[in-house]
Amino acid sequence: MIYGLVLRIRHLLYNKGWKKSFPASVPTVCVGNITVGGTGKTPHVELLLRLLLVAGKQPAVLSRGYKRKLKGFQQVPADGSAALYGDEPVQIAHKFPEVPVAVDKDRVHGCAQLAAKASCIVLDDAFQYRRLRATLNLVLVDFHRPVFKDRLLPWGRLRDLPGRLKAAQMVIVTKCPAELSAQEREAWRKDLHLPPEQPLFFTTLQYSTPLPVFPEADKHYLYAKQCTVLTGIANDAPLRSYLSDTYKIGQHLQFPDHHAYSKADLRTITRAIQASATSCLFTTEKDAQRLRDCKNVPQSIRERLFYIPVEAAFLTPEEQEAFCRLLTSTIRSERK
């Protein structure tokens, strides 16, 4: 009750204009949620970048850079360190070297720094940052943990009021099964209490061929029948489900979200893979960024550690086309 009251008062202050919010000088697209992690923000930021680049836009990305060591505004190099800049910004910079990626806790200041380098800015996880008024707010909801079945912190995983979904220009239900009927889609709209005119989209996660985390990795391990899974993200259930179609998961080493791996953790991982001499070791893209920062990673880990690339995708081409029309028209009208 106390947390909910604080949220209501804070939003009221901004909604009434008693606390000021500021737009950036170029269009901004915020990818956010009202849940503590696990909705797939990073794959959706990458999806947005692919769509904007195809549309001929020059996007940039601004993130807070959670748990980074460097302070203030920093532009992230493609070969940057997750410890210095944050795992998610480094992952995006590595995959999109042509896109300026920056981190700044002060999003208003960060947008001002990036404005000269981009025609639009994608904001990673800024829906609760009310001081910056985004042009377009995309709010993500996890298919497997809907907000209408959750509770506010500390008893649940909601970081914001469920009613704030109505403040979003678009809502995206993420991690969906490959097919959803019209009745299921309409049920989601009803349960989320969205008006008929508010755009609602549905996406799924697509995993692709495993890639080595370190150059010494031996691809022969990929043909093993058993694997060990190593994760430090908010929700690894989709990855484990995907891997279980091909491998028997012997051990699952689960660490907190954005976990910085230590020497003790490396010893734990080593013991786990020693228990199965032929098993492959799989991790996530975000974990791969942090594991590369570790010093003196044992050879036994380096030679069998792979990550599974993941992308967000709309359930149908028609849905993607409708999303792109709304996205580009909003950016175009804002620049006018």
C-alpha atoms as a PDB file:
ATOM      1  CA  MET A   1       0.000   0.000   0.000  1.00  0.00           C
ATOM      2  CA  ILE A   2       2.826   2.404   0.849  1.00  0.00           C
ATOM      3  CA  TYR A   3       4.715   1.700  -2.378  1.00  0.00           C
ATOM      4  CA  GLY A   4       1.537   2.071  -4.431  1.00  0.00           C
ATOM      5  CA  LEU A   5       0.736   5.381  -2.731  1.00  0.00           C
ATOM      6  CA  VAL A   6       4.219   6.737  -3.465  1.00  0.00           C
ATOM      7  CA  LEU A   7       3.834   5.771  -7.138  1.00  0.00           C
ATOM      8  CA  ARG A   8       0.422   7.456  -7.393  1.00  0.00           C
ATOM      9  CA  ILE A   9       1.703  10.676  -5.844  1.00  0.00           C
ATOM     10  CA  ARG A  10       4.779  10.720  -8.104  1.00  0.00           C
ATOM     11  CA  HIS A  11       2.748  10.179 -11.285  1.00  0.00           C
ATOM     12  CA  LEU A  12       0.191  12.785 -10.196  1.00  0.00           C
ATOM     13  CA  LEU A  13       2.942  15.381  -9.793  1.00  0.00           C
ATOM     14  CA  TYR A  14       4.119  14.769 -13.362  1.00  0.00           C
ATOM     15  CA  ASN A  15       0.626  14.443 -14.848  1.00  0.00           C
ATOM     16  CA  LYS A  16      -0.426  17.798 -13.362  1.00  0.00           C
ATOM     17  CA  GLY A  17       2.799  19.484 -14.456  1.00  0.00           C
ATOM     18  CA  TRP A  18       3.934  20.200 -10.910  1.00  0.00           C
ATOM     19  CA  LYS A  19       7.094  18.269 -11.700  1.00  0.00           C
ATOM     20  CA  LYS A  20       8.526  19.141 -15.108  1.00  0.00           C
ATOM     21  CA  SER A  21       9.258  16.759 -17.935  1.00  0.00           C
ATOM     22  CA  PHE A  22      11.182  17.637 -21.078  1.00  0.00           C
ATOM     23  CA  PRO A  23      11.151  16.301 -24.652  1.00  0.00           C
ATOM     24  CA  ALA A  24      14.350  15.609 -26.566  1.00  0.00           C
ATOM     25  CA  SER A  25      15.222  17.611 -29.666  1.00  0.00           C
ATOM     26  CA  VAL A  26      14.817  14.490 -31.850  1.00  0.00           C
ATOM     27  CA  PRO A  27      12.066  11.825 -31.724  1.00  0.00           C
ATOM     28  CA  THR A  28      12.495   9.279 -28.929  1.00  0.00           C
ATOM     29  CA  VAL A  29      11.083   5.767 -28.676  1.00  0.00           C
ATOM     30  CA  CYS A  30      11.024   4.277 -25.178  1.00  0.00           C
ATOM     31  CA  VAL A  31      11.086   0.502 -24.699  1.00  0.00           C
ATOM     32  CA  GLY A  32       9.932  -0.112 -21.150  1.00  0.00           C
ATOM     33  CA  ASN A  33       7.841  -2.242 -18.843  1.00  0.00           C
ATOM     34  CA  ILE A  34       6.101  -2.130 -15.486  1.00  0.00           C
ATOM     35  CA  THR A  35       7.695  -5.361 -14.278  1.00  0.00           C
ATOM     36  CA  VAL A  36      11.106  -5.883 -12.695  1.00  0.00           C
ATOM     37  CA  GLY A  37      13.023  -7.452 -15.591  1.00  0.00           C
ATOM     38  CA  GLY A  38      12.251 -10.476 -17.693  1.00  0.00           C
ATOM     39  CA  THR A  39      10.004  -8.978 -20.385  1.00  0.00           C
ATOM     40  CA  GLY A  40      12.617  -8.968 -23.161  1.00  0.00           C
ATOM     41  CA  LYS A  41      13.538  -5.291 -23.445  1.00  0.00           C
ATOM     42  CA  THR A  42      16.939  -5.844 -25.075  1.00  0.00           C
ATOM     43  CA  PRO A  43      15.664  -8.110 -27.918  1.00  0.00           C
ATOM     44  CA  HIS A  44      12.938  -5.540 -28.587  1.00  0.00           C
ATOM     45  CA  VAL A  45      15.412  -2.659 -28.659  1.00  0.00           C
ATOM     46  CA  GLU A  46      17.348  -4.679 -31.248  1.00  0.00           C
ATOM     47  CA  LEU A  47      14.119  -5.372 -33.187  1.00  0.00           C
ATOM     48  CA  LEU A  48      13.407  -1.638 -33.258  1.00  0.00           C
ATOM     49  CA  LEU A  49      16.913  -0.899 -34.524  1.00  0.00           C
ATOM     50  CA  ARG A  50      16.559  -3.404 -37.372  1.00  0.00           C
ATOM     51  CA  LEU A  51      13.220  -1.914 -38.419  1.00  0.00           C
ATOM     52  CA  LEU A  52      14.470   1.683 -38.195  1.00  0.00           C
ATOM     53  CA  LEU A  53      17.610   0.918 -40.192  1.00  0.00           C
ATOM     54  CA  VAL A  54      15.567  -0.792 -42.922  1.00  0.00           C
ATOM     55  CA  ALA A  55      13.299   2.276 -42.987  1.00  0.00           C
ATOM     56  CA  GLY A  56      16.324   4.468 -43.701  1.00  0.00           C
ATOM     57  CA  LYS A  57      16.488   6.083 -40.254  1.00  0.00           C
ATOM     58  CA  GLN A  58      19.652   6.828 -38.314  1.00  0.00           C
ATOM     59  CA  PRO A  59      18.867   5.604 -34.781  1.00  0.00           C
ATOM     60  CA  ALA A  60      20.896   5.818 -31.599  1.00  0.00           C
ATOM     61  CA  VAL A  61      20.411   4.001 -28.303  1.00  0.00           C
ATOM     62  CA  LEU A  62      20.486   5.472 -24.812  1.00  0.00           C
ATOM     63  CA  SER A  63      20.564   3.242 -21.737  1.00  0.00           C
ATOM     64  CA  ARG A  64      21.179   3.814 -18.064  1.00  0.00           C
ATOM     65  CA  GLY A  65      23.926   1.184 -18.113  1.00  0.00           C
ATOM     66  CA  TYR A  66      22.850  -0.757 -15.037  1.00  0.00           C
ATOM     67  CA  LYS A  67      25.703  -1.708 -12.637  1.00  0.00           C
ATOM     68  CA  ARG A  68      28.384  -0.073 -14.815  1.00  0.00           C
ATOM     69  CA  LYS A  69      31.587   1.261 -13.302  1.00  0.00           C
ATOM     70  CA  LEU A  70      31.994   4.365 -15.454  1.00  0.00           C
ATOM     71  CA  LYS A  71      29.939   7.400 -14.458  1.00  0.00           C
ATOM     72  CA  GLY A  72      28.190  10.102 -16.470  1.00  0.00           C
ATOM     73  CA  PHE A  73      27.598  10.126 -20.212  1.00  0.00           C
ATOM     74  CA  GLN A  74      29.656   7.526 -22.064  1.00  0.00           C
ATOM     75  CA  GLN A  75      29.495   6.345 -25.651  1.00  0.00           C
ATOM     76  CA  VAL A  76      29.872   2.572 -25.786  1.00  0.00           C
ATOM     77  CA  PRO A  77      32.495   1.114 -28.154  1.00  0.00           C
ATOM     78  CA  ALA A  78      31.661  -2.056 -30.090  1.00  0.00           C
ATOM     79  CA  ASP A  79      34.358  -3.921 -28.159  1.00  0.00           C
ATOM     80  CA  GLY A  80      33.496  -2.327 -24.823  1.00  0.00           C
ATOM     81  CA  SER A  81      33.547  -4.007 -21.438  1.00  0.00           C
ATOM     82  CA  ALA A  82      30.283  -4.990 -19.757  1.00  0.00           C
ATOM     83  CA  ALA A  83      31.804  -4.056 -16.399  1.00  0.00           C
ATOM     84  CA  LEU A  84      32.484  -0.502 -17.588  1.00  0.00           C
ATOM     85  CA  TYR A  85      29.325   0.189 -19.612  1.00  0.00           C
ATOM     86  CA  GLY A  86      26.751  -2.475 -18.636  1.00  0.00           C
ATOM     87  CA  ASP A  87      26.050  -5.805 -20.323  1.00  0.00           C
ATOM     88  CA  GLU A  88      23.016  -4.744 -22.373  1.00  0.00           C
ATOM     89  CA  PRO A  89      24.569  -1.606 -23.962  1.00  0.00           C
ATOM     90  CA  VAL A  90      27.730  -3.570 -24.830  1.00  0.00           C
ATOM     91  CA  GLN A  91      25.657  -6.332 -26.436  1.00  0.00           C
ATOM     92  CA  ILE A  92      23.767  -3.800 -28.581  1.00  0.00           C
ATOM     93  CA  ALA A  93      26.934  -1.910 -29.543  1.00  0.00           C
ATOM     94  CA  HIS A  94      28.604  -5.181 -30.552  1.00  0.00           C
ATOM     95  CA  LYS A  95      25.675  -6.268 -32.743  1.00  0.00           C
ATOM     96  CA  PHE A  96      25.036  -2.820 -34.278  1.00  0.00           C
ATOM     97  CA  PRO A  97      28.428  -1.137 -34.740  1.00  0.00           C
ATOM     98  CA  GLU A  98      26.858   1.424 -37.109  1.00  0.00           C
ATOM     99  CA  VAL A  99      24.483   2.659 -34.357  1.00  0.00           C
ATOM    100  CA  PRO A 100      25.698   5.091 -31.659  1.00  0.00           C
ATOM    101  CA  VAL A 101      25.055   3.511 -28.246  1.00  0.00           C
ATOM    102  CA  ALA A 102      25.484   5.558 -25.087  1.00  0.00           C
ATOM    103  CA  VAL A 103      24.826   5.306 -21.357  1.00  0.00           C
ATOM    104  CA  ASP A 104      23.753   8.099 -19.036  1.00  0.00           C
ATOM    105  CA  LYS A 105      21.756   8.048 -15.816  1.00  0.00           C
ATOM    106  CA  ASP A 106      20.454  11.523 -16.752  1.00  0.00           C
ATOM    107  CA  ARG A 107      18.392  10.652 -19.840  1.00  0.00           C
ATOM    108  CA  VAL A 108      17.645  14.294 -20.675  1.00  0.00           C
ATOM    109  CA  HIS A 109      21.365  15.062 -20.773  1.00  0.00           C
ATOM    110  CA  GLY A 110      22.103  11.835 -22.658  1.00  0.00           C
ATOM    111  CA  CYS A 111      19.565  12.649 -25.383  1.00  0.00           C
ATOM    112  CA  ALA A 112      21.062  16.121 -25.775  1.00  0.00           C
ATOM    113  CA  GLN A 113      24.486  14.546 -26.316  1.00  0.00           C
ATOM    114  CA  LEU A 114      23.192  12.050 -28.903  1.00  0.00           C
ATOM    115  CA  ALA A 115      20.828  14.356 -30.803  1.00  0.00           C
ATOM    116  CA  ALA A 116      23.453  15.501 -33.314  1.00  0.00           C
ATOM    117  CA  LYS A 117      24.352  11.885 -34.170  1.00  0.00           C
ATOM    118  CA  ALA A 118      20.886  10.453 -34.828  1.00  0.00           C
ATOM    119  CA  SER A 119      17.513  11.081 -36.438  1.00  0.00           C
ATOM    120  CA  CYS A 120      15.811   9.301 -33.517  1.00  0.00           C
ATOM    121  CA  ILE A 121      16.821   7.802 -30.173  1.00  0.00           C
ATOM    122  CA  VAL A 122      15.704   4.456 -28.745  1.00  0.00           C
ATOM    123  CA  LEU A 123      15.484   4.634 -24.961  1.00  0.00           C
ATOM    124  CA  ASP A 124      16.187   1.369 -23.167  1.00  0.00           C
ATOM    125  CA  ASP A 125      14.070   1.050 -20.012  1.00  0.00           C
ATOM    126  CA  ALA A 126      12.971   4.669 -19.494  1.00  0.00           C
ATOM    127  CA  PHE A 127       9.189   4.334 -18.975  1.00  0.00           C
ATOM    128  CA  GLN A 128       9.541   5.245 -15.296  1.00  0.00           C
ATOM    129  CA  TYR A 129      11.936   8.116 -16.082  1.00  0.00           C
ATOM    130  CA  ARG A 130       9.196  10.757 -16.141  1.00  0.00           C
ATOM    131  CA  ARG A 131      11.611  13.686 -16.374  1.00  0.00           C
ATOM    132  CA  LEU A 132      12.100  12.816 -20.072  1.00  0.00           C
ATOM    133  CA  ARG A 133       8.931  12.911 -22.179  1.00  0.00           C
ATOM    134  CA  ALA A 134       9.297  10.258 -24.863  1.00  0.00           C
ATOM    135  CA  THR A 135       7.662  10.667 -28.254  1.00  0.00           C
ATOM    136  CA  LEU A 136       6.497   7.051 -28.271  1.00  0.00           C
ATOM    137  CA  ASN A 137       6.241   4.661 -25.322  1.00  0.00           C
ATOM    138  CA  LEU A 138       6.275   0.928 -26.036  1.00  0.00           C
ATOM    139  CA  VAL A 139       5.461  -1.069 -22.899  1.00  0.00           C
ATOM    140  CA  LEU A 140       6.209  -4.801 -22.794  1.00  0.00           C
ATOM    141  CA  VAL A 141       4.184  -7.419 -20.924  1.00  0.00           C
ATOM    142  CA  ASP A 142       5.458 -10.981 -20.444  1.00  0.00           C
ATOM    143  CA  PHE A 143       3.002 -13.568 -21.816  1.00  0.00           C
ATOM    144  CA  HIS A 144       3.985 -15.975 -19.033  1.00  0.00           C
ATOM    145  CA  ARG A 145       3.689 -13.435 -16.207  1.00  0.00           C
ATOM    146  CA  PRO A 146       0.846 -11.048 -17.050  1.00  0.00           C
ATOM    147  CA  VAL A 147       0.578  -7.907 -14.971  1.00  0.00           C
ATOM    148  CA  PHE A 148      -3.047  -8.638 -14.079  1.00  0.00           C
ATOM    149  CA  LYS A 149      -1.864 -11.730 -12.187  1.00  0.00           C
ATOM    150  CA  ASP A 150       1.005  -9.942 -10.423  1.00  0.00           C
ATOM    151  CA  ARG A 151       1.402  -7.603  -7.445  1.00  0.00           C
ATOM    152  CA  LEU A 152       3.416  -4.514  -6.628  1.00  0.00           C
ATOM    153  CA  LEU A 153       6.825  -4.815  -5.005  1.00  0.00           C
ATOM    154  CA  PRO A 154       7.798  -6.237  -2.579  1.00  0.00           C
ATOM    155  CA  TRP A 155       5.082  -8.943  -2.748  1.00  0.00           C
ATOM    156  CA  GLY A 156       5.208  -9.224  -6.542  1.00  0.00           C
ATOM    157  CA  ARG A 157       7.360  -8.079  -9.456  1.00  0.00           C
ATOM    158  CA  LEU A 158       5.458  -4.954 -10.502  1.00  0.00           C
ATOM    159  CA  ARG A 159       7.623  -1.850 -10.329  1.00  0.00           C
ATOM    160  CA  ASP A 160       4.805   0.419 -11.531  1.00  0.00           C
ATOM    161  CA  LEU A 161       1.013   0.626 -11.430  1.00  0.00           C
ATOM    162  CA  PRO A 162      -0.779  -1.658 -13.919  1.00  0.00           C
ATOM    163  CA  GLY A 163      -2.973   1.286 -14.912  1.00  0.00           C
ATOM    164  CA  ARG A 164       0.110   2.957 -16.382  1.00  0.00           C
ATOM    165  CA  LEU A 165      -0.298   0.701 -19.436  1.00  0.00           C
ATOM    166  CA  LYS A 166      -2.847   3.234 -20.675  1.00  0.00           C
ATOM    167  CA  ALA A 167      -0.083   5.870 -20.817  1.00  0.00           C
ATOM    168  CA  ALA A 168       1.719   3.822 -23.471  1.00  0.00           C
ATOM    169  CA  GLN A 169       1.169   4.536 -27.146  1.00  0.00           C
ATOM    170  CA  MET A 170       1.682   0.799 -27.857  1.00  0.00           C
ATOM    171  CA  VAL A 171       1.602  -2.331 -25.707  1.00  0.00           C
ATOM    172  CA  ILE A 172       3.478  -5.480 -26.764  1.00  0.00           C
ATOM    173  CA  VAL A 173       2.840  -8.901 -25.238  1.00  0.00           C
ATOM    174  CA  THR A 174       6.185 -10.688 -25.453  1.00  0.00           C
ATOM    175  CA  LYS A 175       7.403 -14.314 -25.412  1.00  0.00           C
ATOM    176  CA  CYS A 176       4.159 -15.557 -26.937  1.00  0.00           C
ATOM    177  CA  PRO A 177       3.671 -18.994 -28.502  1.00  0.00           C
ATOM    178  CA  ALA A 178       4.054 -19.024 -32.273  1.00  0.00           C
ATOM    179  CA  GLU A 179       0.291 -18.765 -32.865  1.00  0.00           C
ATOM    180  CA  LEU A 180      -2.481 -16.902 -31.061  1.00  0.00           C
ATOM    181  CA  SER A 181      -6.128 -16.944 -32.069  1.00  0.00           C
ATOM    182  CA  ALA A 182      -8.205 -13.792 -32.446  1.00  0.00           C
ATOM    183  CA  GLN A 183     -10.115 -14.786 -29.315  1.00  0.00           C
ATOM    184  CA  GLU A 184      -6.886 -15.107 -27.306  1.00  0.00           C
ATOM    185  CA  ARG A 185      -5.696 -11.721 -28.518  1.00  0.00           C
ATOM    186  CA  GLU A 186      -8.967 -10.090 -27.559  1.00  0.00           C
ATOM    187  CA  ALA A 187      -8.844 -11.768 -24.149  1.00  0.00           C
ATOM    188  CA  TRP A 188      -5.455 -10.133 -23.547  1.00  0.00           C
ATOM    189  CA  ARG A 189      -6.843  -6.711 -24.450  1.00  0.00           C
ATOM    190  CA  LYS A 190      -9.740  -7.231 -22.046  1.00  0.00           C
ATOM    191  CA  ASP A 191      -7.533  -8.482 -19.190  1.00  0.00           C
ATOM    192  CA  LEU A 192      -5.089  -5.579 -19.646  1.00  0.00           C
ATOM    193  CA  HIS A 193      -8.023  -3.119 -19.658  1.00  0.00           C
ATOM    194  CA  LEU A 194      -6.883  -1.511 -22.899  1.00  0.00           C
ATOM    195  CA  PRO A 195      -9.318   0.561 -24.960  1.00  0.00           C
ATOM    196  CA  PRO A 196     -10.070  -0.646 -28.525  1.00  0.00           C
ATOM    197  CA  GLU A 197      -8.086   2.191 -30.091  1.00  0.00           C
ATOM    198  CA  GLN A 198      -4.835   1.470 -28.202  1.00  0.00           C
ATOM    199  CA  PRO A 199      -2.463  -0.584 -30.421  1.00  0.00           C
ATOM    200  CA  LEU A 200      -1.708  -4.034 -29.011  1.00  0.00           C
ATOM    201  CA  PHE A 201       0.933  -6.282 -30.608  1.00  0.00           C
ATOM    202  CA  PHE A 202       2.261  -9.776 -29.937  1.00  0.00           C
ATOM    203  CA  THR A 203       5.830 -11.008 -30.355  1.00  0.00           C
ATOM    204  CA  THR A 204       7.764 -14.207 -29.780  1.00  0.00           C
ATOM    205  CA  LEU A 205      11.412 -15.084 -29.150  1.00  0.00           C
ATOM    206  CA  GLN A 206      13.403 -16.854 -31.854  1.00  0.00           C
ATOM    207  CA  TYR A 207      16.649 -18.613 -30.942  1.00  0.00           C
ATOM    208  CA  SER A 208      19.341 -19.310 -33.512  1.00  0.00           C
ATOM    209  CA  THR A 209      22.555 -21.308 -33.889  1.00  0.00           C
ATOM    210  CA  PRO A 210      24.803 -21.328 -30.778  1.00  0.00           C
ATOM    211  CA  LEU A 211      27.916 -19.178 -31.014  1.00  0.00           C
ATOM    212  CA  PRO A 212      31.192 -19.480 -29.061  1.00  0.00           C
ATOM    213  CA  VAL A 213      31.811 -17.075 -26.199  1.00  0.00           C
ATOM    214  CA  PHE A 214      35.587 -17.541 -26.525  1.00  0.00           C
ATOM    215  CA  PRO A 215      37.588 -18.291 -29.706  1.00  0.00           C
ATOM    216  CA  GLU A 216      38.949 -21.539 -28.208  1.00  0.00           C
ATOM    217  CA  ALA A 217      35.481 -23.117 -28.103  1.00  0.00           C
ATOM    218  CA  ASP A 218      35.291 -26.613 -29.561  1.00  0.00           C
ATOM    219  CA  LYS A 219      32.143 -27.076 -31.666  1.00  0.00           C
ATOM    220  CA  HIS A 220      32.241 -30.828 -31.081  1.00  0.00           C
ATOM    221  CA  TYR A 221      30.631 -30.160 -27.689  1.00  0.00           C
ATOM    222  CA  LEU A 222      27.506 -28.968 -29.500  1.00  0.00           C
ATOM    223  CA  TYR A 223      26.831 -32.579 -30.507  1.00  0.00           C
ATOM    224  CA  ALA A 224      26.614 -33.757 -26.904  1.00  0.00           C
ATOM    225  CA  LYS A 225      23.335 -35.153 -25.639  1.00  0.00           C
ATOM    226  CA  GLN A 226      23.568 -33.363 -22.302  1.00  0.00           C
ATOM    227  CA  CYS A 227      24.239 -29.737 -21.381  1.00  0.00           C
ATOM    228  CA  THR A 228      24.787 -27.458 -18.422  1.00  0.00           C
ATOM    229  CA  VAL A 229      22.922 -24.151 -18.436  1.00  0.00           C
ATOM    230  CA  LEU A 230      24.477 -21.009 -16.935  1.00  0.00           C
ATOM    231  CA  THR A 231      22.255 -17.940 -16.570  1.00  0.00           C
ATOM    232  CA  GLY A 232      22.233 -14.587 -14.805  1.00  0.00           C
ATOM    233  CA  ILE A 233      19.055 -12.998 -16.188  1.00  0.00           C
ATOM    234  CA  ALA A 234      15.624 -12.229 -14.759  1.00  0.00           C
ATOM    235  CA  ASN A 235      13.761 -15.002 -16.610  1.00  0.00           C
ATOM    236  CA  ASP A 236      15.602 -17.883 -18.239  1.00  0.00           C
ATOM    237  CA  ALA A 237      12.592 -20.205 -18.629  1.00  0.00           C
ATOM    238  CA  PRO A 238      12.258 -19.645 -22.433  1.00  0.00           C
ATOM    239  CA  LEU A 239      15.941 -20.495 -22.977  1.00  0.00           C
ATOM    240  CA  ARG A 240      15.731 -23.663 -20.888  1.00  0.00           C
ATOM    241  CA  SER A 241      12.580 -24.695 -22.725  1.00  0.00           C
ATOM    242  CA  TYR A 242      14.319 -24.193 -26.070  1.00  0.00           C
ATOM    243  CA  LEU A 243      17.417 -26.165 -25.043  1.00  0.00           C
ATOM    244  CA  SER A 244      15.358 -29.020 -23.583  1.00  0.00           C
ATOM    245  CA  ASP A 245      14.084 -29.828 -27.097  1.00  0.00           C
ATOM    246  CA  THR A 246      17.611 -30.923 -28.080  1.00  0.00           C
ATOM    247  CA  TYR A 247      19.531 -31.608 -24.870  1.00  0.00           C
ATOM    248  CA  LYS A 248      19.026 -33.164 -21.513  1.00  0.00           C
ATOM    249  CA  ILE A 249      19.756 -30.382 -19.027  1.00  0.00           C
ATOM    250  CA  GLY A 250      22.015 -31.931 -16.411  1.00  0.00           C
ATOM    251  CA  GLN A 251      22.656 -28.897 -14.230  1.00  0.00           C
ATOM    252  CA  HIS A 252      21.301 -25.363 -14.148  1.00  0.00           C
ATOM    253  CA  LEU A 253      23.568 -22.743 -12.568  1.00  0.00           C
ATOM    254  CA  GLN A 254      21.332 -19.765 -11.887  1.00  0.00           C
ATOM    255  CA  PHE A 255      22.695 -16.384 -10.757  1.00  0.00           C
ATOM    256  CA  PRO A 256      20.958 -13.021 -10.138  1.00  0.00           C
ATOM    257  CA  ASP A 257      20.144 -10.693 -13.023  1.00  0.00           C
ATOM    258  CA  HIS A 258      23.174  -8.655 -14.206  1.00  0.00           C
ATOM    259  CA  HIS A 259      25.426 -10.786 -11.998  1.00  0.00           C
ATOM    260  CA  ALA A 260      29.151  -9.969 -12.121  1.00  0.00           C
ATOM    261  CA  TYR A 261      30.923 -13.330 -12.220  1.00  0.00           C
ATOM    262  CA  SER A 262      33.704 -13.853  -9.679  1.00  0.00           C
ATOM    263  CA  LYS A 263      36.575 -16.313  -9.248  1.00  0.00           C
ATOM    264  CA  ALA A 264      34.396 -18.314  -6.865  1.00  0.00           C
ATOM    265  CA  ASP A 265      31.682 -18.486  -9.537  1.00  0.00           C
ATOM    266  CA  LEU A 266      34.211 -19.778 -12.073  1.00  0.00           C
ATOM    267  CA  ARG A 267      35.195 -22.518  -9.627  1.00  0.00           C
ATOM    268  CA  THR A 268      31.517 -23.450  -9.222  1.00  0.00           C
ATOM    269  CA  ILE A 269      31.095 -23.609 -13.010  1.00  0.00           C
ATOM    270  CA  THR A 270      34.241 -25.709 -13.356  1.00  0.00           C
ATOM    271  CA  ARG A 271      32.987 -28.232 -10.806  1.00  0.00           C
ATOM    272  CA  ALA A 272      29.664 -28.450 -12.614  1.00  0.00           C
ATOM    273  CA  ILE A 273      31.161 -29.270 -16.016  1.00  0.00           C
ATOM    274  CA  GLN A 274      33.649 -31.709 -14.487  1.00  0.00           C
ATOM    275  CA  ALA A 275      30.673 -33.765 -13.329  1.00  0.00           C
ATOM    276  CA  SER A 276      29.872 -34.452 -17.006  1.00  0.00           C
ATOM    277  CA  ALA A 277      32.977 -34.682 -19.152  1.00  0.00           C
ATOM    278  CA  THR A 278      31.207 -34.375 -22.521  1.00  0.00           C
ATOM    279  CA  SER A 279      28.374 -31.948 -21.778  1.00  0.00           C
ATOM    280  CA  CYS A 280      28.152 -28.571 -23.510  1.00  0.00           C
ATOM    281  CA  LEU A 281      27.889 -25.354 -21.480  1.00  0.00           C
ATOM    282  CA  PHE A 282      25.251 -22.854 -22.652  1.00  0.00           C
ATOM    283  CA  THR A 283      24.603 -19.303 -21.518  1.00  0.00           C
ATOM    284  CA  THR A 284      22.719 -16.187 -22.677  1.00  0.00           C
ATOM    285  CA  GLU A 285      23.930 -13.304 -24.832  1.00  0.00           C
ATOM    286  CA  LYS A 286      23.945 -10.945 -21.858  1.00  0.00           C
ATOM    287  CA  ASP A 287      25.865 -13.384 -19.694  1.00  0.00           C
ATOM    288  CA  ALA A 288      28.388 -13.859 -22.504  1.00  0.00           C
ATOM    289  CA  GLN A 289      29.255 -10.140 -22.310  1.00  0.00           C
ATOM    290  CA  ARG A 290      29.997 -10.398 -18.577  1.00  0.00           C
ATOM    291  CA  LEU A 291      31.860 -13.688 -18.796  1.00  0.00           C
ATOM    292  CA  ARG A 292      34.235 -12.216 -21.400  1.00  0.00           C
ATOM    293  CA  ASP A 293      35.215  -9.630 -18.774  1.00  0.00           C
ATOM    294  CA  CYS A 294      36.360 -12.315 -16.347  1.00  0.00           C
ATOM    295  CA  LYS A 295      40.088 -12.793 -15.946  1.00  0.00           C
ATOM    296  CA  ASN A 296      41.744 -16.203 -16.026  1.00  0.00           C
ATOM    297  CA  VAL A 297      38.703 -18.138 -17.220  1.00  0.00           C
ATOM    298  CA  PRO A 298      39.766 -21.822 -17.085  1.00  0.00           C
ATOM    299  CA  GLN A 299      40.394 -23.552 -20.387  1.00  0.00           C
ATOM    300  CA  SER A 300      37.797 -26.189 -19.508  1.00  0.00           C
ATOM    301  CA  ILE A 301      35.140 -23.445 -19.532  1.00  0.00           C
ATOM    302  CA  ARG A 302      36.471 -21.552 -22.561  1.00  0.00           C
ATOM    303  CA  GLU A 303      36.423 -24.603 -24.812  1.00  0.00           C
ATOM    304  CA  ARG A 304      32.808 -25.630 -24.166  1.00  0.00           C
ATOM    305  CA  LEU A 305      30.999 -22.330 -23.474  1.00  0.00           C
ATOM    306  CA  PHE A 306      28.466 -21.175 -26.090  1.00  0.00           C
ATOM    307  CA  TYR A 307      25.681 -18.597 -26.063  1.00  0.00           C
ATOM    308  CA  ILE A 308      22.318 -18.762 -27.820  1.00  0.00           C
ATOM    309  CA  PRO A 309      21.502 -15.639 -29.899  1.00  0.00           C
ATOM    310  CA  VAL A 310      17.897 -14.527 -29.504  1.00  0.00           C
ATOM    311  CA  GLU A 311      15.686 -12.167 -31.488  1.00  0.00           C
ATOM    312  CA  ALA A 312      12.192 -10.802 -30.935  1.00  0.00           C
ATOM    313  CA  ALA A 313       9.812 -11.165 -33.879  1.00  0.00           C
ATOM    314  CA  PHE A 314       6.168 -10.332 -34.532  1.00  0.00           C
ATOM    315  CA  LEU A 315       3.834 -13.295 -34.862  1.00  0.00           C
ATOM    316  CA  THR A 316       2.802 -12.345 -38.402  1.00  0.00           C
ATOM    317  CA  PRO A 317       4.242 -10.210 -41.240  1.00  0.00           C
ATOM    318  CA  GLU A 318       0.999  -8.207 -41.243  1.00  0.00           C
ATOM    319  CA  GLU A 319       1.490  -7.328 -37.587  1.00  0.00           C
ATOM    320  CA  GLN A 320       5.060  -6.174 -38.241  1.00  0.00           C
ATOM    321  CA  GLU A 321       3.891  -4.056 -41.165  1.00  0.00           C
ATOM    322  CA  ALA A 322       1.208  -2.383 -39.036  1.00  0.00           C
ATOM    323  CA  PHE A 323       3.746  -1.715 -36.282  1.00  0.00           C
ATOM    324  CA  CYS A 324       6.226  -0.189 -38.761  1.00  0.00           C
ATOM    325  CA  ARG A 325       3.568   2.139 -40.163  1.00  0.00           C
ATOM    326  CA  LEU A 326       2.742   3.464 -36.696  1.00  0.00           C
ATOM    327  CA  LEU A 327       6.399   3.744 -35.747  1.00  0.00           C
ATOM    328  CA  THR A 328       7.585   5.609 -38.834  1.00  0.00           C
ATOM    329  CA  SER A 329       4.514   7.868 -39.025  1.00  0.00           C
ATOM    330  CA  THR A 330       4.996   8.938 -35.406  1.00  0.00           C
ATOM    331  CA  ILE A 331       8.680   9.703 -35.933  1.00  0.00           C
ATOM    332  CA  ARG A 332       7.958  11.553 -39.187  1.00  0.00           C
ATOM    333  CA  SER A 333       5.211  13.722 -37.665  1.00  0.00           C
ATOM    334  CA  GLU A 334       7.360  14.513 -34.621  1.00  0.00           C
ATOM    335  CA  ARG A 335      10.199  15.828 -36.774  1.00  0.00           C
ATOM    336  CA  LYS A 336       7.787  18.185 -38.528  1.00  0.00           C
END
